Amino acid sequence: MRQGVVRLEEGVQLPDGAVVTVTIGEAELMRATLRSALRRNARKRSRARVRPIPAGGGA
């Protein structure tokens, strides 16, 4: 499976309306979960606030 597409071996044919169950290994599930979490956090990453320093110093 690559990018959400399952490819069957050459010559394999399924009847129309066949129900297919795809099972992934635990390692692949963990990798996908971590990838998803890292991607989600990158979008929500907070940005540093920049506070301007007043000109003249006032002292």
PDB file of N, CA and C in Angstrom:
ATOM      1  N   MET A   1       0.862  -1.171   0.000  1.00  0.00           N
ATOM      2  CA  MET A   1       0.000   0.000   0.000  1.00  0.00           C
ATOM      3  C   MET A   1       0.905   1.229   0.000  1.00  0.00           C
ATOM      4  N   ARG A   2       0.620   2.127  -0.912  1.00  0.00           N
ATOM      5  CA  ARG A   2       1.369   3.377  -1.002  1.00  0.00           C
ATOM      6  C   ARG A   2       0.391   4.514  -1.218  1.00  0.00           C
ATOM      7  N   GLN A   3       0.486   5.513  -0.375  1.00  0.00           N
ATOM      8  CA  GLN A   3      -0.358   6.700  -0.456  1.00  0.00           C
ATOM      9  C   GLN A   3      -1.842   6.327  -0.481  1.00  0.00           C
ATOM     10  N   GLY A   4      -2.212   5.356   0.335  1.00  0.00           N
ATOM     11  CA  GLY A   4      -3.613   4.978   0.470  1.00  0.00           C
ATOM     12  C   GLY A   4      -4.152   4.094  -0.631  1.00  0.00           C
ATOM     13  N   VAL A   5      -3.283   3.573  -1.498  1.00  0.00           N
ATOM     14  CA  VAL A   5      -3.727   2.720  -2.599  1.00  0.00           C
ATOM     15  C   VAL A   5      -3.180   1.313  -2.388  1.00  0.00           C
ATOM     16  N   VAL A   6      -4.081   0.326  -2.422  1.00  0.00           N
ATOM     17  CA  VAL A   6      -3.682  -1.069  -2.300  1.00  0.00           C
ATOM     18  C   VAL A   6      -3.574  -1.646  -3.703  1.00  0.00           C
ATOM     19  N   ARG A   7      -2.437  -2.229  -4.018  1.00  0.00           N
ATOM     20  CA  ARG A   7      -2.234  -2.835  -5.333  1.00  0.00           C
ATOM     21  C   ARG A   7      -2.142  -4.344  -5.165  1.00  0.00           C
ATOM     22  N   LEU A   8      -2.891  -5.058  -5.988  1.00  0.00           N
ATOM     23  CA  LEU A   8      -2.895  -6.513  -5.938  1.00  0.00           C
ATOM     24  C   LEU A   8      -1.837  -7.071  -6.873  1.00  0.00           C
ATOM     25  N   GLU A   9      -1.433  -8.299  -6.599  1.00  0.00           N
ATOM     26  CA  GLU A   9      -0.471  -8.988  -7.468  1.00  0.00           C
ATOM     27  C   GLU A   9      -1.055  -9.090  -8.873  1.00  0.00           C
ATOM     28  N   GLU A  10      -0.200  -9.142  -9.856  1.00  0.00           N
ATOM     29  CA  GLU A  10      -0.663  -9.260 -11.235  1.00  0.00           C
ATOM     30  C   GLU A  10      -1.470 -10.542 -11.417  1.00  0.00           C
ATOM     31  N   GLY A  11      -2.577 -10.440 -12.098  1.00  0.00           N
ATOM     32  CA  GLY A  11      -3.412 -11.598 -12.376  1.00  0.00           C
ATOM     33  C   GLY A  11      -4.504 -11.851 -11.340  1.00  0.00           C
ATOM     34  N   VAL A  12      -4.464 -11.162 -10.202  1.00  0.00           N
ATOM     35  CA  VAL A  12      -5.479 -11.339  -9.168  1.00  0.00           C
ATOM     36  C   VAL A  12      -6.704 -10.520  -9.566  1.00  0.00           C
ATOM     37  N   GLN A  13      -7.852 -11.168  -9.548  1.00  0.00           N
ATOM     38  CA  GLN A  13      -9.094 -10.484  -9.889  1.00  0.00           C
ATOM     39  C   GLN A  13     -10.090 -10.693  -8.768  1.00  0.00           C
ATOM     40  N   LEU A  14     -10.789  -9.642  -8.410  1.00  0.00           N
ATOM     41  CA  LEU A  14     -11.824  -9.718  -7.385  1.00  0.00           C
ATOM     42  C   LEU A  14     -13.180  -9.509  -8.049  1.00  0.00           C
ATOM     43  N   PRO A  15     -14.179 -10.224  -7.588  1.00  0.00           N
ATOM     44  CA  PRO A  15     -15.516  -9.998  -8.157  1.00  0.00           C
ATOM     45  C   PRO A  15     -16.044  -8.623  -7.758  1.00  0.00           C
ATOM     46  N   ASP A  16     -16.907  -8.059  -8.587  1.00  0.00           N
ATOM     47  CA  ASP A  16     -17.516  -6.761  -8.271  1.00  0.00           C
ATOM     48  C   ASP A  16     -18.232  -6.835  -6.935  1.00  0.00           C
ATOM     49  N   GLY A  17     -18.047  -5.818  -6.101  1.00  0.00           N
ATOM     50  CA  GLY A  17     -18.709  -5.757  -4.806  1.00  0.00           C
ATOM     51  C   GLY A  17     -18.022  -6.560  -3.719  1.00  0.00           C
ATOM     52  N   ALA A  18     -16.837  -7.110  -4.020  1.00  0.00           N
ATOM     53  CA  ALA A  18     -16.112  -7.900  -3.017  1.00  0.00           C
ATOM     54  C   ALA A  18     -15.701  -7.011  -1.854  1.00  0.00           C
ATOM     55  N   VAL A  19     -15.789  -7.522  -0.635  1.00  0.00           N
ATOM     56  CA  VAL A  19     -15.360  -6.800   0.555  1.00  0.00           C
ATOM     57  C   VAL A  19     -13.952  -7.264   0.880  1.00  0.00           C
ATOM     58  N   VAL A  20     -13.052  -6.309   1.011  1.00  0.00           N
ATOM     59  CA  VAL A  20     -11.643  -6.620   1.266  1.00  0.00           C
ATOM     60  C   VAL A  20     -11.231  -5.993   2.582  1.00  0.00           C
ATOM     61  N   THR A  21     -10.565  -6.755   3.425  1.00  0.00           N
ATOM     62  CA  THR A  21     -10.040  -6.245   4.686  1.00  0.00           C
ATOM     63  C   THR A  21      -8.519  -6.174   4.574  1.00  0.00           C
ATOM     64  N   VAL A  22      -7.973  -5.001   4.871  1.00  0.00           N
ATOM     65  CA  VAL A  22      -6.524  -4.816   4.821  1.00  0.00           C
ATOM     66  C   VAL A  22      -6.023  -4.735   6.247  1.00  0.00           C
ATOM     67  N   THR A  23      -5.072  -5.575   6.584  1.00  0.00           N
ATOM     68  CA  THR A  23      -4.494  -5.607   7.919  1.00  0.00           C
ATOM     69  C   THR A  23      -3.048  -5.146   7.832  1.00  0.00           C
ATOM     70  N   ILE A  24      -2.687  -4.190   8.686  1.00  0.00           N
ATOM     71  CA  ILE A  24      -1.303  -3.716   8.695  1.00  0.00           C
ATOM     72  C   ILE A  24      -0.633  -4.182   9.987  1.00  0.00           C
ATOM     73  N   GLY A  25       0.671  -4.260   9.940  1.00  0.00           N
ATOM     74  CA  GLY A  25       1.427  -4.680  11.108  1.00  0.00           C
ATOM     75  C   GLY A  25       1.494  -3.575  12.150  1.00  0.00           C
ATOM     76  N   GLU A  26       1.824  -3.944  13.360  1.00  0.00           N
ATOM     77  CA  GLU A  26       1.887  -2.993  14.471  1.00  0.00           C
ATOM     78  C   GLU A  26       2.935  -1.907  14.220  1.00  0.00           C
ATOM     79  N   ALA A  27       4.070  -2.290  13.630  1.00  0.00           N
ATOM     80  CA  ALA A  27       5.128  -1.310  13.368  1.00  0.00           C
ATOM     81  C   ALA A  27       4.642  -0.247  12.376  1.00  0.00           C
ATOM     82  N   GLU A  28       3.937  -0.676  11.337  1.00  0.00           N
ATOM     83  CA  GLU A  28       3.426   0.275  10.350  1.00  0.00           C
ATOM     84  C   GLU A  28       2.382   1.187  10.972  1.00  0.00           C
ATOM     85  N   LEU A  29       1.542   0.658  11.843  1.00  0.00           N
ATOM     86  CA  LEU A  29       0.541   1.469  12.532  1.00  0.00           C
ATOM     87  C   LEU A  29       1.214   2.533  13.394  1.00  0.00           C
ATOM     88  N   MET A  30       2.245   2.154  14.128  1.00  0.00           N
ATOM     89  CA  MET A  30       2.958   3.113  14.975  1.00  0.00           C
ATOM     90  C   MET A  30       3.616   4.200  14.125  1.00  0.00           C
ATOM     91  N   ARG A  31       4.227   3.788  13.011  1.00  0.00           N
ATOM     92  CA  ARG A  31       4.892   4.750  12.130  1.00  0.00           C
ATOM     93  C   ARG A  31       3.880   5.748  11.576  1.00  0.00           C
ATOM     94  N   ALA A  32       2.712   5.257  11.145  1.00  0.00           N
ATOM     95  CA  ALA A  32       1.675   6.141  10.603  1.00  0.00           C
ATOM     96  C   ALA A  32       1.132   7.069  11.682  1.00  0.00           C
ATOM     97  N   THR A  33       0.973   6.557  12.898  1.00  0.00           N
ATOM     98  CA  THR A  33       0.465   7.369  14.002  1.00  0.00           C
ATOM     99  C   THR A  33       1.445   8.483  14.346  1.00  0.00           C
ATOM    100  N   LEU A  34       2.720   8.149  14.434  1.00  0.00           N
ATOM    101  CA  LEU A  34       3.739   9.159  14.739  1.00  0.00           C
ATOM    102  C   LEU A  34       3.839  10.192  13.630  1.00  0.00           C
ATOM    103  N   ARG A  35       3.796   9.736  12.380  1.00  0.00           N
ATOM    104  CA  ARG A  35       3.874  10.661  11.254  1.00  0.00           C
ATOM    105  C   ARG A  35       2.706  11.634  11.301  1.00  0.00           C
ATOM    106  N   SER A  36       1.528  11.124  11.583  1.00  0.00           N
ATOM    107  CA  SER A  36       0.340  11.967  11.663  1.00  0.00           C
ATOM    108  C   SER A  36       0.459  12.985  12.795  1.00  0.00           C
ATOM    109  N   ALA A  37       0.939  12.544  13.955  1.00  0.00           N
ATOM    110  CA  ALA A  37       1.079  13.441  15.104  1.00  0.00           C
ATOM    111  C   ALA A  37       2.111  14.530  14.823  1.00  0.00           C
ATOM    112  N   LEU A  38       3.216  14.176  14.199  1.00  0.00           N
ATOM    113  CA  LEU A  38       4.250  15.166  13.902  1.00  0.00           C
ATOM    114  C   LEU A  38       3.757  16.172  12.872  1.00  0.00           C
ATOM    115  N   ARG A  39       3.043  15.709  11.872  1.00  0.00           N
ATOM    116  CA  ARG A  39       2.513  16.597  10.856  1.00  0.00           C
ATOM    117  C   ARG A  39       1.491  17.552  11.464  1.00  0.00           C
ATOM    118  N   ARG A  40       0.638  17.071  12.350  1.00  0.00           N
ATOM    119  CA  ARG A  40      -0.387  17.886  12.985  1.00  0.00           C
ATOM    120  C   ARG A  40       0.263  18.963  13.846  1.00  0.00           C
ATOM    121  N   ASN A  41       1.302  18.611  14.608  1.00  0.00           N
ATOM    122  CA  ASN A  41       1.968  19.573  15.487  1.00  0.00           C
ATOM    123  C   ASN A  41       2.710  20.643  14.698  1.00  0.00           C
ATOM    124  N   ALA A  42       3.218  20.292  13.541  1.00  0.00           N
ATOM    125  CA  ALA A  42       3.952  21.274  12.733  1.00  0.00           C
ATOM    126  C   ALA A  42       3.020  22.390  12.293  1.00  0.00           C
ATOM    127  N   ARG A  43       1.767  22.066  12.007  1.00  0.00           N
ATOM    128  CA  ARG A  43       0.820  23.086  11.583  1.00  0.00           C
ATOM    129  C   ARG A  43       0.388  23.956  12.750  1.00  0.00           C
ATOM    130  N   LYS A  44       0.334  23.409  13.964  1.00  0.00           N
ATOM    131  CA  LYS A  44      -0.156  24.144  15.125  1.00  0.00           C
ATOM    132  C   LYS A  44       0.970  24.736  15.962  1.00  0.00           C
ATOM    133  N   ARG A  45       2.183  24.677  15.466  1.00  0.00           N
ATOM    134  CA  ARG A  45       3.329  25.151  16.229  1.00  0.00           C
ATOM    135  C   ARG A  45       3.159  26.625  16.573  1.00  0.00           C
ATOM    136  N   SER A  46       3.425  26.970  17.817  1.00  0.00           N
ATOM    137  CA  SER A  46       3.284  28.367  18.219  1.00  0.00           C
ATOM    138  C   SER A  46       4.478  29.162  17.708  1.00  0.00           C
ATOM    139  N   ARG A  47       4.241  30.426  17.494  1.00  0.00           N
ATOM    140  CA  ARG A  47       5.299  31.312  17.024  1.00  0.00           C
ATOM    141  C   ARG A  47       5.710  32.230  18.159  1.00  0.00           C
ATOM    142  N   ALA A  48       6.974  32.576  18.198  1.00  0.00           N
ATOM    143  CA  ALA A  48       7.484  33.471  19.234  1.00  0.00           C
ATOM    144  C   ALA A  48       6.882  34.854  19.045  1.00  0.00           C
ATOM    145  N   ARG A  49       6.555  35.483  20.143  1.00  0.00           N
ATOM    146  CA  ARG A  49       6.025  36.843  20.084  1.00  0.00           C
ATOM    147  C   ARG A  49       7.178  37.828  20.147  1.00  0.00           C
ATOM    148  N   VAL A  50       7.146  38.793  19.281  1.00  0.00           N
ATOM    149  CA  VAL A  50       8.195  39.809  19.249  1.00  0.00           C
ATOM    150  C   VAL A  50       7.600  41.086  19.824  1.00  0.00           C
ATOM    151  N   ARG A  51       8.204  41.586  20.890  1.00  0.00           N
ATOM    152  CA  ARG A  51       7.734  42.834  21.511  1.00  0.00           C
ATOM    153  C   ARG A  51       8.703  43.935  21.152  1.00  0.00           C
ATOM    154  N   PRO A  52       8.216  45.009  20.564  1.00  0.00           N
ATOM    155  CA  PRO A  52       9.117  46.105  20.184  1.00  0.00           C
ATOM    156  C   PRO A  52       9.681  46.813  21.419  1.00  0.00           C
ATOM    157  N   ILE A  53      10.901  47.241  21.319  1.00  0.00           N
ATOM    158  CA  ILE A  53      11.531  47.999  22.397  1.00  0.00           C
ATOM    159  C   ILE A  53      11.248  49.471  22.157  1.00  0.00           C
ATOM    160  N   PRO A  54      10.693  50.182  23.145  1.00  0.00           N
ATOM    161  CA  PRO A  54      10.374  51.595  22.939  1.00  0.00           C
ATOM    162  C   PRO A  54      11.615  52.417  22.641  1.00  0.00           C
ATOM    163  N   ALA A  55      11.495  53.330  21.679  1.00  0.00           N
ATOM    164  CA  ALA A  55      12.621  54.201  21.319  1.00  0.00           C
ATOM    165  C   ALA A  55      12.830  55.247  22.408  1.00  0.00           C
ATOM    166  N   GLY A  56      14.019  55.627  22.674  1.00  0.00           N
ATOM    167  CA  GLY A  56      14.308  56.676  23.662  1.00  0.00           C
ATOM    168  C   GLY A  56      14.601  56.138  25.039  1.00  0.00           C
ATOM    169  N   GLY A  57      14.211  54.983  25.369  1.00  0.00           N
ATOM    170  CA  GLY A  57      14.550  54.356  26.643  1.00  0.00           C
ATOM    171  C   GLY A  57      13.793  54.897  27.838  1.00  0.00           C
ATOM    172  N   GLY A  58      13.382  56.143  27.878  1.00  0.00           N
ATOM    173  CA  GLY A  58      12.589  56.726  28.937  1.00  0.00           C
ATOM    174  C   GLY A  58      13.272  56.832  30.295  1.00  0.00           C
ATOM    175  N   ALA A  59      14.583  56.578  30.389  1.00  0.00           N
ATOM    176  CA  ALA A  59      15.229  56.623  31.705  1.00  0.00           C
ATOM    177  C   ALA A  59      15.949  57.898  31.958  1.00  0.00           C
TER     178      ALA A  59
END
